[in-house]
Structure formats: C-alpha cells, structure tokens
Amino acid sequence: MVAKRFLLNPSRTSKQGQQINVGKDNAEYEAIVNTLTMHADDMQSLGVVAGDTVRVRTEFGEAEFQ
C-alpha cells in the first residue's frame, strides 16, 4: 500500500464517551475506537474503500483501523 502523510486528529466522540461507561471490553466500544474516518478524496487517492483495514503509523507507534 502507498505510504502518504496526513494530519492525524484524534478525538473522542460523545458515543465513545457513553460507551466507556459500559466498559472497554464491550464489542460496540471496540468497533467505535477501531474505526478511522477519512475524507473520500483521501481514501480514493490511497485506493482504500469503506471497510478496508489501514495501518496508521506515527513517531509514537502504529495501529490498524477500519
């Protein structure tokens, strides 16, 4: 896959904040925190379609998201 630089803007949604009360082992919480949101043009430039798995790498580490 093509490596490209993007601005990473980590945030917590209100739904994620609500789900943390249920617990981090909850399947819905896992789905929320493992989902990456990208602009459609950026996805197209990478050849990524909705539901694909992508690896995000920073100087602090890396993780895979859908």
N, C-alpha and C. Protein backbone atom coordinates (compact mmCIF):
# COMPACT_ATOMS: atom_id res chain seq x y z
N MET A 1 0.85 -1.19 0.00
CA MET A 1 0.00 0.00 0.00
C MET A 1 0.89 1.24 0.00
N VAL A 2 0.40 2.27 -0.58
CA VAL A 2 1.11 3.54 -0.70
C VAL A 2 1.19 4.22 0.67
N ALA A 3 2.37 4.70 1.05
CA ALA A 3 2.52 5.49 2.28
C ALA A 3 2.34 6.95 1.92
N LYS A 4 1.57 7.65 2.72
CA LYS A 4 1.29 9.06 2.47
C LYS A 4 1.13 9.76 3.81
N ARG A 5 1.49 11.01 3.89
CA ARG A 5 1.37 11.77 5.14
C ARG A 5 0.01 12.45 5.22
N PHE A 6 -0.60 12.37 6.41
CA PHE A 6 -1.86 13.03 6.69
C PHE A 6 -1.79 13.67 8.07
N LEU A 7 -2.66 14.59 8.32
CA LEU A 7 -2.80 15.18 9.64
C LEU A 7 -3.70 14.27 10.47
N LEU A 8 -3.20 13.80 11.60
CA LEU A 8 -3.96 12.92 12.49
C LEU A 8 -4.62 13.78 13.56
N ASN A 9 -5.93 13.69 13.67
CA ASN A 9 -6.68 14.47 14.63
C ASN A 9 -7.47 13.53 15.54
N PRO A 10 -6.82 12.96 16.56
CA PRO A 10 -7.52 12.03 17.45
C PRO A 10 -8.55 12.77 18.30
N SER A 11 -9.68 12.16 18.47
CA SER A 11 -10.74 12.77 19.28
C SER A 11 -11.62 11.69 19.88
N ARG A 12 -12.43 12.07 20.82
CA ARG A 12 -13.39 11.15 21.43
C ARG A 12 -14.79 11.65 21.10
N THR A 13 -15.58 10.78 20.49
CA THR A 13 -16.96 11.14 20.18
C THR A 13 -17.82 11.03 21.43
N SER A 14 -18.98 11.64 21.41
CA SER A 14 -19.89 11.52 22.56
C SER A 14 -20.34 10.07 22.72
N LYS A 15 -20.52 9.36 21.60
CA LYS A 15 -20.91 7.95 21.68
C LYS A 15 -19.81 7.13 22.35
N GLN A 16 -18.56 7.41 22.03
CA GLN A 16 -17.45 6.72 22.68
C GLN A 16 -17.43 7.03 24.18
N GLY A 17 -17.67 8.27 24.52
CA GLY A 17 -17.73 8.64 25.93
C GLY A 17 -18.83 7.92 26.68
N GLN A 18 -19.97 7.72 26.03
CA GLN A 18 -21.07 6.98 26.65
C GLN A 18 -20.72 5.51 26.80
N GLN A 19 -20.09 4.93 25.78
CA GLN A 19 -19.77 3.50 25.79
C GLN A 19 -18.71 3.14 26.81
N ILE A 20 -17.84 4.09 27.15
CA ILE A 20 -16.78 3.77 28.12
C ILE A 20 -17.39 3.41 29.47
N ASN A 21 -18.60 3.92 29.74
CA ASN A 21 -19.30 3.57 30.98
C ASN A 21 -19.74 2.11 30.96
N VAL A 22 -19.96 1.56 29.78
CA VAL A 22 -20.35 0.15 29.65
C VAL A 22 -19.13 -0.74 29.83
N GLY A 23 -17.99 -0.24 29.39
CA GLY A 23 -16.74 -0.98 29.55
C GLY A 23 -15.96 -1.08 28.25
N LYS A 24 -14.65 -1.08 28.37
CA LYS A 24 -13.80 -1.13 27.19
C LYS A 24 -13.79 -2.50 26.53
N ASP A 25 -14.31 -3.52 27.19
CA ASP A 25 -14.36 -4.86 26.60
C ASP A 25 -15.64 -5.07 25.79
N ASN A 26 -16.52 -4.09 25.78
CA ASN A 26 -17.78 -4.17 25.05
C ASN A 26 -17.51 -4.11 23.55
N ALA A 27 -18.18 -4.96 22.77
CA ALA A 27 -17.96 -5.04 21.31
C ALA A 27 -18.26 -3.72 20.62
N GLU A 28 -19.29 -3.00 21.06
CA GLU A 28 -19.64 -1.73 20.43
C GLU A 28 -18.54 -0.69 20.67
N TYR A 29 -17.98 -0.68 21.87
CA TYR A 29 -16.88 0.24 22.18
C TYR A 29 -15.68 -0.08 21.30
N GLU A 30 -15.35 -1.37 21.17
CA GLU A 30 -14.23 -1.79 20.33
C GLU A 30 -14.42 -1.32 18.89
N ALA A 31 -15.63 -1.45 18.37
CA ALA A 31 -15.91 -1.03 16.99
C ALA A 31 -15.73 0.48 16.83
N ILE A 32 -16.15 1.24 17.83
CA ILE A 32 -16.04 2.70 17.77
C ILE A 32 -14.57 3.14 17.76
N VAL A 33 -13.77 2.59 18.66
CA VAL A 33 -12.38 3.05 18.80
C VAL A 33 -11.46 2.47 17.73
N ASN A 34 -11.93 1.48 16.98
CA ASN A 34 -11.11 0.90 15.92
C ASN A 34 -11.55 1.35 14.53
N THR A 35 -12.31 2.44 14.48
CA THR A 35 -12.80 2.98 13.21
C THR A 35 -12.09 4.29 12.91
N LEU A 36 -11.60 4.41 11.68
CA LEU A 36 -10.91 5.60 11.22
C LEU A 36 -11.83 6.33 10.25
N THR A 37 -11.94 7.63 10.39
CA THR A 37 -12.74 8.44 9.47
C THR A 37 -11.79 9.23 8.58
N MET A 38 -12.00 9.11 7.25
CA MET A 38 -11.16 9.82 6.28
C MET A 38 -12.05 10.48 5.24
N HIS A 39 -11.55 11.55 4.67
CA HIS A 39 -12.26 12.20 3.56
C HIS A 39 -12.25 11.25 2.37
N ALA A 40 -13.35 11.23 1.63
CA ALA A 40 -13.49 10.33 0.48
C ALA A 40 -12.38 10.53 -0.56
N ASP A 41 -11.96 11.78 -0.78
CA ASP A 41 -10.89 12.04 -1.75
C ASP A 41 -9.56 11.42 -1.30
N ASP A 42 -9.29 11.47 0.01
CA ASP A 42 -8.06 10.87 0.55
C ASP A 42 -8.12 9.35 0.41
N MET A 43 -9.28 8.78 0.69
CA MET A 43 -9.44 7.33 0.54
C MET A 43 -9.20 6.92 -0.90
N GLN A 44 -9.77 7.67 -1.82
CA GLN A 44 -9.63 7.36 -3.24
C GLN A 44 -8.16 7.45 -3.67
N SER A 45 -7.45 8.46 -3.17
CA SER A 45 -6.05 8.62 -3.56
C SER A 45 -5.18 7.46 -3.08
N LEU A 46 -5.62 6.79 -2.01
CA LEU A 46 -4.89 5.64 -1.48
C LEU A 46 -5.39 4.31 -2.03
N GLY A 47 -6.52 4.35 -2.73
CA GLY A 47 -7.12 3.11 -3.21
C GLY A 47 -7.82 2.35 -2.10
N VAL A 48 -8.30 3.06 -1.09
CA VAL A 48 -8.99 2.46 0.05
C VAL A 48 -10.49 2.61 -0.14
N VAL A 49 -11.23 1.55 0.16
CA VAL A 49 -12.69 1.62 0.14
C VAL A 49 -13.21 1.39 1.55
N ALA A 50 -14.42 1.85 1.81
CA ALA A 50 -15.03 1.72 3.14
C ALA A 50 -14.98 0.26 3.59
N GLY A 51 -14.52 0.06 4.82
CA GLY A 51 -14.43 -1.28 5.38
C GLY A 51 -13.04 -1.89 5.28
N ASP A 52 -12.15 -1.29 4.46
CA ASP A 52 -10.77 -1.77 4.36
C ASP A 52 -10.05 -1.54 5.68
N THR A 53 -8.99 -2.28 5.89
CA THR A 53 -8.14 -2.08 7.05
C THR A 53 -6.93 -1.24 6.61
N VAL A 54 -6.63 -0.20 7.38
CA VAL A 54 -5.48 0.65 7.09
C VAL A 54 -4.58 0.72 8.33
N ARG A 55 -3.30 0.86 8.09
CA ARG A 55 -2.34 1.00 9.18
C ARG A 55 -1.96 2.47 9.30
N VAL A 56 -2.09 3.00 10.52
CA VAL A 56 -1.69 4.38 10.82
C VAL A 56 -0.42 4.30 11.63
N ARG A 57 0.59 5.03 11.17
CA ARG A 57 1.89 4.99 11.83
C ARG A 57 2.30 6.42 12.18
N THR A 58 2.71 6.63 13.43
CA THR A 58 3.25 7.91 13.87
C THR A 58 4.61 7.66 14.50
N GLU A 59 5.26 8.71 14.97
CA GLU A 59 6.54 8.53 15.64
C GLU A 59 6.38 7.83 16.99
N PHE A 60 5.15 7.69 17.46
CA PHE A 60 4.89 7.06 18.75
C PHE A 60 4.46 5.60 18.65
N GLY A 61 4.14 5.14 17.45
CA GLY A 61 3.70 3.77 17.28
C GLY A 61 2.80 3.62 16.07
N GLU A 62 2.13 2.48 15.97
CA GLU A 62 1.24 2.23 14.85
C GLU A 62 0.06 1.37 15.30
N ALA A 63 -1.03 1.46 14.54
CA ALA A 63 -2.22 0.66 14.82
C ALA A 63 -3.00 0.49 13.52
N GLU A 64 -3.84 -0.54 13.48
CA GLU A 64 -4.68 -0.78 12.32
C GLU A 64 -6.11 -0.42 12.65
N PHE A 65 -6.78 0.20 11.68
CA PHE A 65 -8.16 0.65 11.83
C PHE A 65 -8.96 0.24 10.62
N GLN A 66 -10.28 0.23 10.76
CA GLN A 66 -11.18 0.05 9.62
C GLN A 66 -11.77 1.36 9.27
